[in-house]
Amino acid sequence: MSEEHEPGSFLKATLASQPRELERILGDDAAASAANRLAGCSRVFLVGTGTSYHGALAGQYMLRSAGVDAWAVRAFEFANYPPAIHDHDGLILLSHRGTKRYSRQALDLFATTSDRWIVITGLGSPLEGPGVVRTVEQELSPVHTASHTGALLRIAQVATQLGRPAWKGQLSEVPDRVGEAVALGDSVAALIDGVELRPVTHFVGGGPARATAYEGALKLREASHLVSAEGHDVEGILHGPLVSIQPGTPVVLVKQPGPSLGRIEEVESALREISATVLSFPHSDLDEVLAPIVNVVPLQWLAYHASRRLGVDADSFRRDEREYAAAQSKFTL
C-alpha cells in the first residue's frame, strides 16, 4: 500500500457500498436467464473456496428451501476427490475473481460432461460463457465483502427461478435490510470497545448461520491478522471446543431465529457459566435462509474496527511484510 493509503479504507468503502450494489443486482435478469441451465437438475453442487465456500454453504439452504437437492463442496475437494457426477446434476461455481486454480479445475471437470453449470463471479473476471453471472467490481481490499453478499443474492435469485421458496417475496427487502446492518458500524465499534480479542475469538452459528460464523472468523483473521479466530457449528462447539474456551474469551453468537436458536441459547448459557465474553448483534427479520446476506455485515464491521484498534491495515494481507510476502510466493491460488 502507498503511504497515502488510509489503512482499511478500501474495506470500509466496499463494505458501505453493499446496499447500493445489491439494489443494482436485483435490477437485472442475469441470474434468471442462467437459472434455465439448471432447470430439471435432480442435484446441484455449489462449489467455492474460502469466502466463496461460505457462500456455497449458505446457498445450499436457499436452494433446498426451493425444493432443490443442493450440496456445498470445497473447490479443492471437488477437483481432486470429485463425487460421482450424474447426467441430471448441476453445478454453481462461486469465484470472486475467477482466477482460483481449483475453482477453475472444478468447473473444467464438470463441464467436460455437462453444460448444466452456472458461474457466479465478479465484473472483470476472465470466466466467460452463457452460464456466467456477474456480481460486483473487483474489490480493492483482499477482505471480500460486497462480492460475498452479491453472490448470495445471485444464488437467491437462481433459487426463486428453480422453485417457489416461501421467502421469494422478501427478496426485494434485502438491500434495505443490508443498509440497516451497514448503519450499525458505530454500534459494533462500541460493543467491542474494551474486549480483548486476542489470542482467539470464536464465532458460532447453526444451519444457514453456520456459514455466517465461518465467514465472521475468516474476516477477522484476514483484516486483523494479529487475532486468531475460529468458526464453529452450534453442535460442534459442544463436542470438545467448549472446554478450551477460557474465562474472558470472546465468543460471537449468530442468534438467528430458526431450528438452531434453542441450541444456540444452550451454548450461551454454558459460555456464561465459564465467564466467557458473549457477543451478539441484532439478527435479521428476514427468513432464516436469506438472513446470512444481512447477518454477515456486522461481522464485517467487527473485522474492520478490530483492525483499526490493533493498528493493522486490513487492505494489506501482510504483503508488505517480507516473510509473509515470501510465504505467499510459495504457492499459487
C-alpha atoms as a PDB file:
ATOM      1  CA  MET A   1       0.000   0.000   0.000  1.00  0.00           C
ATOM      2  CA  SER A   2       1.196   3.514  -0.734  1.00  0.00           C
ATOM      3  CA  GLU A   3       1.936   5.974   2.042  1.00  0.00           C
ATOM      4  CA  GLU A   4      -1.198   7.911   1.018  1.00  0.00           C
ATOM      5  CA  HIS A   5      -3.439   4.914   1.612  1.00  0.00           C
ATOM      6  CA  GLU A   6      -5.574   5.153   4.724  1.00  0.00           C
ATOM      7  CA  PRO A   7      -5.382   1.725   6.372  1.00  0.00           C
ATOM      8  CA  GLY A   8      -8.515  -0.304   5.769  1.00  0.00           C
ATOM      9  CA  SER A   9     -10.142   2.381   3.613  1.00  0.00           C
ATOM     10  CA  PHE A  10     -10.773   0.004   0.699  1.00  0.00           C
ATOM     11  CA  LEU A  11     -12.503  -2.450   3.014  1.00  0.00           C
ATOM     12  CA  LYS A  12     -14.571   0.261   4.663  1.00  0.00           C
ATOM     13  CA  ALA A  13     -15.713   1.794   1.385  1.00  0.00           C
ATOM     14  CA  THR A  14     -16.674  -1.537  -0.165  1.00  0.00           C
ATOM     15  CA  LEU A  15     -18.463  -2.639   2.989  1.00  0.00           C
ATOM     16  CA  ALA A  16     -20.537   0.533   2.913  1.00  0.00           C
ATOM     17  CA  SER A  17     -21.352   0.100  -0.797  1.00  0.00           C
ATOM     18  CA  GLN A  18     -23.250  -3.154  -0.332  1.00  0.00           C
ATOM     19  CA  PRO A  19     -26.848  -1.847  -0.208  1.00  0.00           C
ATOM     20  CA  ARG A  20     -26.329   0.025  -3.465  1.00  0.00           C
ATOM     21  CA  GLU A  21     -24.686  -2.946  -5.163  1.00  0.00           C
ATOM     22  CA  LEU A  22     -27.441  -5.322  -4.052  1.00  0.00           C
ATOM     23  CA  GLU A  23     -30.101  -2.942  -5.368  1.00  0.00           C
ATOM     24  CA  ARG A  24     -28.322  -2.940  -8.725  1.00  0.00           C
ATOM     25  CA  ILE A  25     -28.098  -6.747  -8.790  1.00  0.00           C
ATOM     26  CA  LEU A  26     -31.823  -7.013  -8.089  1.00  0.00           C
ATOM     27  CA  GLY A  27     -32.486  -4.826 -11.101  1.00  0.00           C
ATOM     28  CA  ASP A  28     -31.311  -7.237 -13.817  1.00  0.00           C
ATOM     29  CA  ASP A  29     -32.392 -10.678 -15.019  1.00  0.00           C
ATOM     30  CA  ALA A  30     -28.946 -12.249 -15.453  1.00  0.00           C
ATOM     31  CA  ALA A  31     -29.499 -14.871 -12.763  1.00  0.00           C
ATOM     32  CA  ALA A  32     -32.960 -15.737 -14.068  1.00  0.00           C
ATOM     33  CA  SER A  33     -31.588 -16.389 -17.541  1.00  0.00           C
ATOM     34  CA  ALA A  34     -28.719 -18.503 -16.251  1.00  0.00           C
ATOM     35  CA  ALA A  35     -31.000 -20.498 -13.950  1.00  0.00           C
ATOM     36  CA  ASN A  36     -32.586 -22.095 -17.021  1.00  0.00           C
ATOM     37  CA  ARG A  37     -29.378 -24.094 -17.391  1.00  0.00           C
ATOM     38  CA  LEU A  38     -30.183 -25.864 -14.113  1.00  0.00           C
ATOM     39  CA  ALA A  39     -33.872 -26.489 -14.794  1.00  0.00           C
ATOM     40  CA  GLY A  40     -34.705 -30.121 -14.132  1.00  0.00           C
ATOM     41  CA  CYS A  41     -31.491 -30.913 -12.278  1.00  0.00           C
ATOM     42  CA  SER A  42     -32.043 -33.556  -9.614  1.00  0.00           C
ATOM     43  CA  ARG A  43     -28.996 -32.384  -7.640  1.00  0.00           C
ATOM     44  CA  VAL A  44     -26.873 -29.234  -7.615  1.00  0.00           C
ATOM     45  CA  PHE A  45     -23.363 -28.839  -6.243  1.00  0.00           C
ATOM     46  CA  LEU A  46     -22.282 -25.393  -5.008  1.00  0.00           C
ATOM     47  CA  VAL A  47     -18.502 -25.089  -5.178  1.00  0.00           C
ATOM     48  CA  GLY A  48     -16.080 -22.457  -3.911  1.00  0.00           C
ATOM     49  CA  THR A  49     -13.021 -21.679  -1.805  1.00  0.00           C
ATOM     50  CA  GLY A  50     -12.747 -19.555   1.347  1.00  0.00           C
ATOM     51  CA  THR A  51     -15.433 -16.895   1.411  1.00  0.00           C
ATOM     52  CA  SER A  52     -16.907 -18.412  -1.758  1.00  0.00           C
ATOM     53  CA  TYR A  53     -17.253 -21.743   0.036  1.00  0.00           C
ATOM     54  CA  HIS A  54     -19.081 -19.970   2.847  1.00  0.00           C
ATOM     55  CA  GLY A  55     -21.379 -18.552   0.174  1.00  0.00           C
ATOM     56  CA  ALA A  56     -21.914 -22.084  -1.112  1.00  0.00           C
ATOM     57  CA  LEU A  57     -22.769 -23.272   2.405  1.00  0.00           C
ATOM     58  CA  ALA A  58     -25.418 -20.596   2.822  1.00  0.00           C
ATOM     59  CA  GLY A  59     -26.594 -21.041  -0.740  1.00  0.00           C
ATOM     60  CA  GLN A  60     -27.346 -24.730  -0.345  1.00  0.00           C
ATOM     61  CA  TYR A  61     -30.075 -23.849   2.148  1.00  0.00           C
ATOM     62  CA  MET A  62     -31.599 -21.359  -0.278  1.00  0.00           C
ATOM     63  CA  LEU A  63     -31.795 -23.994  -2.983  1.00  0.00           C
ATOM     64  CA  ARG A  64     -33.087 -26.662  -0.619  1.00  0.00           C
ATOM     65  CA  SER A  65     -35.860 -24.333   0.500  1.00  0.00           C
ATOM     66  CA  ALA A  66     -36.816 -24.059  -3.188  1.00  0.00           C
ATOM     67  CA  GLY A  67     -37.043 -27.850  -3.473  1.00  0.00           C
ATOM     68  CA  VAL A  68     -33.599 -28.486  -4.977  1.00  0.00           C
ATOM     69  CA  ASP A  69     -31.249 -31.162  -3.590  1.00  0.00           C
ATOM     70  CA  ALA A  70     -28.156 -28.979  -3.071  1.00  0.00           C
ATOM     71  CA  TRP A  71     -24.737 -29.620  -1.542  1.00  0.00           C
ATOM     72  CA  ALA A  72     -21.777 -27.323  -0.852  1.00  0.00           C
ATOM     73  CA  VAL A  73     -18.322 -28.706  -1.676  1.00  0.00           C
ATOM     74  CA  ARG A  74     -14.914 -27.067  -1.417  1.00  0.00           C
ATOM     75  CA  ALA A  75     -13.328 -26.486  -4.822  1.00  0.00           C
ATOM     76  CA  PHE A  76     -10.146 -28.390  -3.919  1.00  0.00           C
ATOM     77  CA  GLU A  77     -12.203 -31.409  -2.851  1.00  0.00           C
ATOM     78  CA  PHE A  78     -14.436 -31.271  -5.928  1.00  0.00           C
ATOM     79  CA  ALA A  79     -11.446 -31.059  -8.288  1.00  0.00           C
ATOM     80  CA  ASN A  80      -9.333 -33.738  -6.608  1.00  0.00           C
ATOM     81  CA  TYR A  81     -11.861 -36.032  -4.923  1.00  0.00           C
ATOM     82  CA  PRO A  82     -14.974 -35.484  -7.023  1.00  0.00           C
ATOM     83  CA  PRO A  83     -18.338 -37.009  -6.191  1.00  0.00           C
ATOM     84  CA  ALA A  84     -19.963 -39.304  -8.696  1.00  0.00           C
ATOM     85  CA  ILE A  85     -21.471 -36.917 -11.247  1.00  0.00           C
ATOM     86  CA  HIS A  86     -24.721 -37.979 -12.878  1.00  0.00           C
ATOM     87  CA  ASP A  87     -26.496 -36.788 -16.001  1.00  0.00           C
ATOM     88  CA  HIS A  88     -29.032 -34.687 -14.127  1.00  0.00           C
ATOM     89  CA  ASP A  89     -26.567 -32.975 -11.785  1.00  0.00           C
ATOM     90  CA  GLY A  90     -25.857 -29.264 -11.929  1.00  0.00           C
ATOM     91  CA  LEU A  91     -23.039 -27.018 -10.709  1.00  0.00           C
ATOM     92  CA  ILE A  92     -22.913 -23.489  -9.313  1.00  0.00           C
ATOM     93  CA  LEU A  93     -19.345 -22.245  -9.024  1.00  0.00           C
ATOM     94  CA  LEU A  94     -18.646 -19.199  -6.856  1.00  0.00           C
ATOM     95  CA  SER A  95     -15.406 -17.313  -7.540  1.00  0.00           C
ATOM     96  CA  HIS A  96     -14.898 -13.584  -6.858  1.00  0.00           C
ATOM     97  CA  ARG A  97     -12.027 -13.070  -9.258  1.00  0.00           C
ATOM     98  CA  GLY A  98     -12.442 -16.146 -11.470  1.00  0.00           C
ATOM     99  CA  THR A  99      -8.751 -16.955 -11.213  1.00  0.00           C
ATOM    100  CA  LYS A 100      -8.538 -19.537  -8.427  1.00  0.00           C
ATOM    101  CA  ARG A 101      -6.737 -22.689  -9.518  1.00  0.00           C
ATOM    102  CA  TYR A 102      -9.019 -25.334  -8.057  1.00  0.00           C
ATOM    103  CA  SER A 103     -12.207 -23.421  -8.775  1.00  0.00           C
ATOM    104  CA  ARG A 104     -11.288 -23.452 -12.456  1.00  0.00           C
ATOM    105  CA  GLN A 105     -10.326 -27.123 -12.297  1.00  0.00           C
ATOM    106  CA  ALA A 106     -13.664 -27.970 -10.674  1.00  0.00           C
ATOM    107  CA  LEU A 107     -15.522 -26.138 -13.447  1.00  0.00           C
ATOM    108  CA  ASP A 108     -13.445 -27.752 -16.188  1.00  0.00           C
ATOM    109  CA  LEU A 109     -14.031 -31.204 -14.696  1.00  0.00           C
ATOM    110  CA  PHE A 110     -17.792 -30.737 -14.619  1.00  0.00           C
ATOM    111  CA  ALA A 111     -18.006 -29.016 -17.995  1.00  0.00           C
ATOM    112  CA  THR A 112     -16.361 -31.945 -19.781  1.00  0.00           C
ATOM    113  CA  THR A 113     -19.591 -33.912 -19.422  1.00  0.00           C
ATOM    114  CA  SER A 114     -22.309 -31.312 -18.882  1.00  0.00           C
ATOM    115  CA  ASP A 115     -23.349 -27.751 -19.693  1.00  0.00           C
ATOM    116  CA  ARG A 116     -25.626 -27.589 -16.649  1.00  0.00           C
ATOM    117  CA  TRP A 117     -23.410 -25.112 -14.830  1.00  0.00           C
ATOM    118  CA  ILE A 118     -23.520 -21.537 -13.618  1.00  0.00           C
ATOM    119  CA  VAL A 119     -20.575 -19.384 -12.535  1.00  0.00           C
ATOM    120  CA  ILE A 120     -21.211 -16.503 -10.134  1.00  0.00           C
ATOM    121  CA  THR A 121     -18.230 -14.169 -10.385  1.00  0.00           C
ATOM    122  CA  GLY A 122     -17.175 -10.540 -10.293  1.00  0.00           C
ATOM    123  CA  LEU A 123     -17.128  -7.976 -13.076  1.00  0.00           C
ATOM    124  CA  GLY A 124     -13.863  -8.246 -14.975  1.00  0.00           C
ATOM    125  CA  SER A 125     -13.417 -11.923 -14.164  1.00  0.00           C
ATOM    126  CA  PRO A 126     -11.811 -13.889 -17.032  1.00  0.00           C
ATOM    127  CA  LEU A 127     -14.533 -16.555 -16.817  1.00  0.00           C
ATOM    128  CA  GLU A 128     -16.872 -16.290 -19.787  1.00  0.00           C
ATOM    129  CA  GLY A 129     -19.801 -18.138 -21.279  1.00  0.00           C
ATOM    130  CA  PRO A 130     -23.587 -18.331 -21.244  1.00  0.00           C
ATOM    131  CA  GLY A 131     -23.632 -19.599 -17.666  1.00  0.00           C
ATOM    132  CA  VAL A 132     -21.597 -16.713 -16.206  1.00  0.00           C
ATOM    133  CA  VAL A 133     -23.444 -14.318 -13.889  1.00  0.00           C
ATOM    134  CA  ARG A 134     -21.681 -11.167 -12.661  1.00  0.00           C
ATOM    135  CA  THR A 135     -21.829  -9.577  -9.222  1.00  0.00           C
ATOM    136  CA  VAL A 136     -19.684  -6.508  -8.398  1.00  0.00           C
ATOM    137  CA  GLU A 137     -16.498  -4.788  -9.500  1.00  0.00           C
ATOM    138  CA  GLN A 138     -13.304  -6.468  -8.360  1.00  0.00           C
ATOM    139  CA  GLU A 139     -12.664  -5.399  -4.780  1.00  0.00           C
ATOM    140  CA  LEU A 140      -9.540  -3.394  -3.951  1.00  0.00           C
ATOM    141  CA  SER A 141      -9.376  -4.951  -0.500  1.00  0.00           C
ATOM    142  CA  PRO A 142      -8.434  -8.641  -0.223  1.00  0.00           C
ATOM    143  CA  VAL A 143     -11.007  -8.851   2.590  1.00  0.00           C
ATOM    144  CA  HIS A 144     -14.020  -9.558   0.427  1.00  0.00           C
ATOM    145  CA  THR A 145     -17.401  -8.194   1.470  1.00  0.00           C
ATOM    146  CA  ALA A 146     -19.625  -6.950  -1.384  1.00  0.00           C
ATOM    147  CA  SER A 147     -18.662  -9.830  -3.663  1.00  0.00           C
ATOM    148  CA  HIS A 148     -19.864 -12.237  -0.954  1.00  0.00           C
ATOM    149  CA  THR A 149     -23.244 -10.633  -0.330  1.00  0.00           C
ATOM    150  CA  GLY A 150     -23.648 -10.128  -4.073  1.00  0.00           C
ATOM    151  CA  ALA A 151     -23.015 -13.812  -4.721  1.00  0.00           C
ATOM    152  CA  LEU A 152     -25.512 -14.789  -2.022  1.00  0.00           C
ATOM    153  CA  LEU A 153     -28.168 -12.612  -3.619  1.00  0.00           C
ATOM    154  CA  ARG A 154     -27.441 -14.166  -7.017  1.00  0.00           C
ATOM    155  CA  ILE A 155     -27.963 -17.659  -5.548  1.00  0.00           C
ATOM    156  CA  ALA A 156     -31.237 -16.495  -4.024  1.00  0.00           C
ATOM    157  CA  GLN A 157     -32.325 -15.224  -7.441  1.00  0.00           C
ATOM    158  CA  VAL A 158     -31.464 -18.579  -9.000  1.00  0.00           C
ATOM    159  CA  ALA A 159     -33.416 -20.394  -6.273  1.00  0.00           C
ATOM    160  CA  THR A 160     -36.545 -18.370  -6.990  1.00  0.00           C
ATOM    161  CA  GLN A 161     -36.349 -19.408 -10.644  1.00  0.00           C
ATOM    162  CA  LEU A 162     -35.935 -23.101  -9.834  1.00  0.00           C
ATOM    163  CA  GLY A 163     -38.714 -23.331  -7.245  1.00  0.00           C
ATOM    164  CA  ARG A 164     -41.198 -21.422  -5.134  1.00  0.00           C
ATOM    165  CA  PRO A 165     -39.464 -20.712  -1.827  1.00  0.00           C
ATOM    166  CA  ALA A 166     -41.651 -19.207   0.884  1.00  0.00           C
ATOM    167  CA  TRP A 167     -39.295 -16.237   1.157  1.00  0.00           C
ATOM    168  CA  LYS A 168     -39.485 -15.170  -2.504  1.00  0.00           C
ATOM    169  CA  GLY A 169     -41.481 -12.062  -1.624  1.00  0.00           C
ATOM    170  CA  GLN A 170     -38.771 -10.913   0.789  1.00  0.00           C
ATOM    171  CA  LEU A 171     -36.042 -10.723  -1.845  1.00  0.00           C
ATOM    172  CA  SER A 172     -36.781  -7.092  -2.658  1.00  0.00           C
ATOM    173  CA  GLU A 173     -36.236  -6.184   1.008  1.00  0.00           C
ATOM    174  CA  VAL A 174     -32.644  -7.396   1.116  1.00  0.00           C
ATOM    175  CA  PRO A 175     -30.878  -4.137   0.094  1.00  0.00           C
ATOM    176  CA  ASP A 176     -32.732  -2.133   2.751  1.00  0.00           C
ATOM    177  CA  ARG A 177     -32.017  -4.733   5.435  1.00  0.00           C
ATOM    178  CA  VAL A 178     -28.349  -4.717   4.492  1.00  0.00           C
ATOM    179  CA  GLY A 179     -28.439  -0.925   4.638  1.00  0.00           C
ATOM    180  CA  GLU A 180     -29.715  -1.139   8.206  1.00  0.00           C
ATOM    181  CA  ALA A 181     -26.857  -3.506   9.050  1.00  0.00           C
ATOM    182  CA  VAL A 182     -24.308  -1.178   7.446  1.00  0.00           C
ATOM    183  CA  ALA A 183     -25.643   1.604   9.687  1.00  0.00           C
ATOM    184  CA  LEU A 184     -24.620  -0.469  12.736  1.00  0.00           C
ATOM    185  CA  GLY A 185     -20.927   0.288  12.220  1.00  0.00           C
ATOM    186  CA  ASP A 186     -20.562   2.608  15.206  1.00  0.00           C
ATOM    187  CA  SER A 187     -22.594   0.281  17.422  1.00  0.00           C
ATOM    188  CA  VAL A 188     -20.297  -2.613  16.555  1.00  0.00           C
ATOM    189  CA  ALA A 189     -17.261  -0.490  17.396  1.00  0.00           C
ATOM    190  CA  ALA A 190     -18.800   0.434  20.760  1.00  0.00           C
ATOM    191  CA  LEU A 191     -19.702  -3.183  21.549  1.00  0.00           C
ATOM    192  CA  ILE A 192     -16.162  -4.461  21.086  1.00  0.00           C
ATOM    193  CA  ASP A 193     -14.566  -1.482  22.823  1.00  0.00           C
ATOM    194  CA  GLY A 194     -12.565  -2.890  25.721  1.00  0.00           C
ATOM    195  CA  VAL A 195     -12.998  -6.506  24.581  1.00  0.00           C
ATOM    196  CA  GLU A 196      -9.677  -8.317  24.291  1.00  0.00           C
ATOM    197  CA  LEU A 197      -9.984 -10.216  21.021  1.00  0.00           C
ATOM    198  CA  ARG A 198      -6.571 -11.846  21.289  1.00  0.00           C
ATOM    199  CA  PRO A 199      -5.362 -14.518  21.230  1.00  0.00           C
ATOM    200  CA  VAL A 200      -8.507 -16.057  19.763  1.00  0.00           C
ATOM    201  CA  THR A 201     -12.129 -15.093  19.134  1.00  0.00           C
ATOM    202  CA  HIS A 202     -14.790 -17.713  18.431  1.00  0.00           C
ATOM    203  CA  PHE A 203     -17.885 -17.485  16.209  1.00  0.00           C
ATOM    204  CA  VAL A 204     -20.841 -19.861  16.460  1.00  0.00           C
ATOM    205  CA  GLY A 205     -23.907 -20.421  14.268  1.00  0.00           C
ATOM    206  CA  GLY A 206     -26.234 -23.207  13.233  1.00  0.00           C
ATOM    207  CA  GLY A 207     -27.894 -24.121   9.950  1.00  0.00           C
ATOM    208  CA  PRO A 208     -27.502 -21.246   7.458  1.00  0.00           C
ATOM    209  CA  ALA A 209     -25.895 -19.208  10.260  1.00  0.00           C
ATOM    210  CA  ARG A 210     -23.015 -21.687  10.364  1.00  0.00           C
ATOM    211  CA  ALA A 211     -21.808 -20.114   7.132  1.00  0.00           C
ATOM    212  CA  THR A 212     -22.068 -16.677   8.773  1.00  0.00           C
ATOM    213  CA  ALA A 213     -19.979 -17.838  11.742  1.00  0.00           C
ATOM    214  CA  TYR A 214     -17.314 -19.297   9.474  1.00  0.00           C
ATOM    215  CA  GLU A 215     -17.226 -16.104   7.421  1.00  0.00           C
ATOM    216  CA  GLY A 216     -17.019 -13.903  10.522  1.00  0.00           C
ATOM    217  CA  ALA A 217     -13.993 -15.828  11.724  1.00  0.00           C
ATOM    218  CA  LEU A 218     -12.308 -15.595   8.332  1.00  0.00           C
ATOM    219  CA  LYS A 219     -12.923 -11.830   8.039  1.00  0.00           C
ATOM    220  CA  LEU A 220     -11.423 -11.231  11.477  1.00  0.00           C
ATOM    221  CA  ARG A 221      -8.331 -13.260  10.605  1.00  0.00           C
ATOM    222  CA  GLU A 222      -7.879 -11.544   7.240  1.00  0.00           C
ATOM    223  CA  ALA A 223      -8.462  -7.978   8.409  1.00  0.00           C
ATOM    224  CA  SER A 224      -6.836  -8.194  11.861  1.00  0.00           C
ATOM    225  CA  HIS A 225      -4.080 -10.702  11.389  1.00  0.00           C
ATOM    226  CA  LEU A 226      -2.837 -10.282  14.954  1.00  0.00           C
ATOM    227  CA  VAL A 227      -6.012 -12.090  16.056  1.00  0.00           C
ATOM    228  CA  SER A 228      -6.769 -15.768  15.568  1.00  0.00           C
ATOM    229  CA  ALA A 229     -10.391 -16.738  15.065  1.00  0.00           C
ATOM    230  CA  GLU A 230     -12.360 -19.946  14.889  1.00  0.00           C
ATOM    231  CA  GLY A 231     -15.788 -20.596  13.408  1.00  0.00           C
ATOM    232  CA  HIS A 232     -17.962 -23.372  14.836  1.00  0.00           C
ATOM    233  CA  ASP A 233     -21.265 -25.010  14.071  1.00  0.00           C
ATOM    234  CA  VAL A 234     -23.583 -24.811  17.070  1.00  0.00           C
ATOM    235  CA  GLU A 235     -23.488 -28.521  17.866  1.00  0.00           C
ATOM    236  CA  GLY A 236     -19.809 -28.982  17.141  1.00  0.00           C
ATOM    237  CA  ILE A 237     -18.631 -26.459  19.731  1.00  0.00           C
ATOM    238  CA  LEU A 238     -20.189 -28.576  22.483  1.00  0.00           C
ATOM    239  CA  HIS A 239     -18.235 -31.669  21.465  1.00  0.00           C
ATOM    240  CA  GLY A 240     -14.761 -30.626  22.554  1.00  0.00           C
ATOM    241  CA  PRO A 241     -14.030 -26.990  21.671  1.00  0.00           C
ATOM    242  CA  LEU A 242     -16.052 -25.639  24.615  1.00  0.00           C
ATOM    243  CA  VAL A 243     -13.542 -26.981  27.150  1.00  0.00           C
ATOM    244  CA  SER A 244     -10.747 -24.939  25.552  1.00  0.00           C
ATOM    245  CA  ILE A 245     -12.606 -21.641  25.969  1.00  0.00           C
ATOM    246  CA  GLN A 246     -11.245 -19.665  28.903  1.00  0.00           C
ATOM    247  CA  PRO A 247     -12.922 -17.037  31.104  1.00  0.00           C
ATOM    248  CA  GLY A 248     -12.969 -13.765  29.192  1.00  0.00           C
ATOM    249  CA  THR A 249     -12.566 -15.385  25.775  1.00  0.00           C
ATOM    250  CA  PRO A 250     -14.820 -13.578  23.263  1.00  0.00           C
ATOM    251  CA  VAL A 251     -17.466 -15.710  21.545  1.00  0.00           C
ATOM    252  CA  VAL A 252     -19.726 -14.187  18.887  1.00  0.00           C
ATOM    253  CA  LEU A 253     -23.098 -15.923  18.585  1.00  0.00           C
ATOM    254  CA  VAL A 254     -25.216 -15.638  15.444  1.00  0.00           C
ATOM    255  CA  LYS A 255     -28.641 -15.812  17.096  1.00  0.00           C
ATOM    256  CA  GLN A 256     -30.943 -16.121  14.101  1.00  0.00           C
ATOM    257  CA  PRO A 257     -34.460 -17.471  14.754  1.00  0.00           C
ATOM    258  CA  GLY A 258     -34.908 -20.978  13.377  1.00  0.00           C
ATOM    259  CA  PRO A 259     -34.343 -24.600  14.412  1.00  0.00           C
ATOM    260  CA  SER A 260     -30.826 -23.806  15.687  1.00  0.00           C
ATOM    261  CA  LEU A 261     -31.820 -20.998  18.041  1.00  0.00           C
ATOM    262  CA  GLY A 262     -32.663 -23.206  21.017  1.00  0.00           C
ATOM    263  CA  ARG A 263     -29.266 -24.900  20.815  1.00  0.00           C
ATOM    264  CA  ILE A 264     -27.535 -21.526  20.467  1.00  0.00           C
ATOM    265  CA  GLU A 265     -29.234 -20.397  23.679  1.00  0.00           C
ATOM    266  CA  GLU A 266     -27.956 -23.514  25.466  1.00  0.00           C
ATOM    267  CA  VAL A 267     -24.456 -22.725  24.206  1.00  0.00           C
ATOM    268  CA  GLU A 268     -24.841 -19.180  25.501  1.00  0.00           C
ATOM    269  CA  SER A 269     -25.842 -20.449  28.953  1.00  0.00           C
ATOM    270  CA  ALA A 270     -22.814 -22.732  29.040  1.00  0.00           C
ATOM    271  CA  LEU A 271     -20.489 -19.928  27.956  1.00  0.00           C
ATOM    272  CA  ARG A 272     -21.785 -17.604  30.641  1.00  0.00           C
ATOM    273  CA  GLU A 273     -21.165 -20.294  33.275  1.00  0.00           C
ATOM    274  CA  ILE A 274     -17.461 -20.229  32.421  1.00  0.00           C
ATOM    275  CA  SER A 275     -17.461 -16.405  32.227  1.00  0.00           C
ATOM    276  CA  ALA A 276     -16.688 -16.191  28.523  1.00  0.00           C
ATOM    277  CA  THR A 277     -17.359 -12.816  26.912  1.00  0.00           C
ATOM    278  CA  VAL A 278     -20.504 -13.418  24.857  1.00  0.00           C
ATOM    279  CA  LEU A 279     -21.226 -11.061  21.973  1.00  0.00           C
ATOM    280  CA  SER A 280     -24.123 -10.935  19.530  1.00  0.00           C
ATOM    281  CA  PHE A 281     -25.644  -8.461  17.102  1.00  0.00           C
ATOM    282  CA  PRO A 282     -29.232  -7.722  16.063  1.00  0.00           C
ATOM    283  CA  HIS A 283     -30.455 -10.527  13.812  1.00  0.00           C
ATOM    284  CA  SER A 284     -32.245 -10.119  10.525  1.00  0.00           C
ATOM    285  CA  ASP A 285     -36.028 -10.332  10.410  1.00  0.00           C
ATOM    286  CA  LEU A 286     -35.841 -11.998   7.007  1.00  0.00           C
ATOM    287  CA  ASP A 287     -36.333 -15.730   6.500  1.00  0.00           C
ATOM    288  CA  GLU A 288     -33.555 -17.794   8.042  1.00  0.00           C
ATOM    289  CA  VAL A 289     -32.090 -18.771   4.656  1.00  0.00           C
ATOM    290  CA  LEU A 290     -31.882 -15.137   3.464  1.00  0.00           C
ATOM    291  CA  ALA A 291     -30.544 -13.869   6.803  1.00  0.00           C
ATOM    292  CA  PRO A 292     -26.853 -14.641   6.067  1.00  0.00           C
ATOM    293  CA  ILE A 293     -26.835 -11.829   3.494  1.00  0.00           C
ATOM    294  CA  VAL A 294     -27.647  -9.401   6.307  1.00  0.00           C
ATOM    295  CA  ASN A 295     -26.127 -11.008   9.402  1.00  0.00           C
ATOM    296  CA  VAL A 296     -22.626 -11.117   7.943  1.00  0.00           C
ATOM    297  CA  VAL A 297     -22.434  -7.321   7.732  1.00  0.00           C
ATOM    298  CA  PRO A 298     -21.923  -6.617  11.491  1.00  0.00           C
ATOM    299  CA  LEU A 299     -19.180  -9.252  11.448  1.00  0.00           C
ATOM    300  CA  GLN A 300     -17.523  -7.427   8.562  1.00  0.00           C
ATOM    301  CA  TRP A 301     -17.656  -4.261  10.684  1.00  0.00           C
ATOM    302  CA  LEU A 302     -16.184  -6.163  13.624  1.00  0.00           C
ATOM    303  CA  ALA A 303     -13.219  -7.173  11.474  1.00  0.00           C
ATOM    304  CA  TYR A 304     -12.702  -3.622  10.222  1.00  0.00           C
ATOM    305  CA  HIS A 305     -12.905  -1.981  13.653  1.00  0.00           C
ATOM    306  CA  ALA A 306     -10.668  -4.619  15.211  1.00  0.00           C
ATOM    307  CA  SER A 307      -8.040  -3.943  12.561  1.00  0.00           C
ATOM    308  CA  ARG A 308      -8.089  -0.217  13.252  1.00  0.00           C
ATOM    309  CA  ARG A 309      -7.858  -0.719  17.010  1.00  0.00           C
ATOM    310  CA  LEU A 310      -4.852  -3.011  16.549  1.00  0.00           C
ATOM    311  CA  GLY A 311      -3.141  -0.676  14.069  1.00  0.00           C
ATOM    312  CA  VAL A 312      -3.406  -3.194  11.228  1.00  0.00           C
ATOM    313  CA  ASP A 313      -4.038  -2.262   7.594  1.00  0.00           C
ATOM    314  CA  ALA A 314      -6.894  -4.586   6.641  1.00  0.00           C
ATOM    315  CA  ASP A 315      -6.101  -3.982   2.967  1.00  0.00           C
ATOM    316  CA  SER A 316      -2.523  -5.249   3.149  1.00  0.00           C
ATOM    317  CA  PHE A 317      -2.921  -9.041   3.519  1.00  0.00           C
ATOM    318  CA  ARG A 318       0.600  -8.795   5.002  1.00  0.00           C
ATOM    319  CA  ARG A 319       2.103  -8.481   1.534  1.00  0.00           C
ATOM    320  CA  ASP A 320       4.107  -5.542   2.873  1.00  0.00           C
ATOM    321  CA  GLU A 321       5.897  -7.858   5.331  1.00  0.00           C
ATOM    322  CA  ARG A 322       8.897  -9.677   3.851  1.00  0.00           C
ATOM    323  CA  GLU A 323       8.323 -13.056   5.490  1.00  0.00           C
ATOM    324  CA  TYR A 324       4.642 -13.186   4.599  1.00  0.00           C
ATOM    325  CA  ALA A 325       5.225 -11.950   1.056  1.00  0.00           C
ATOM    326  CA  ALA A 326       7.820 -14.705   0.677  1.00  0.00           C
ATOM    327  CA  ALA A 327       5.430 -17.282   2.116  1.00  0.00           C
ATOM    328  CA  GLN A 328       2.725 -16.280  -0.371  1.00  0.00           C
ATOM    329  CA  SER A 329       5.194 -16.706  -3.233  1.00  0.00           C
ATOM    330  CA  LYS A 330       5.472 -20.427  -2.452  1.00  0.00           C
ATOM    331  CA  PHE A 331       2.044 -21.318  -3.831  1.00  0.00           C
ATOM    332  CA  THR A 332      -0.492 -20.231  -6.411  1.00  0.00           C
ATOM    333  CA  LEU A 333      -4.133 -19.663  -5.613  1.00  0.00           C
END
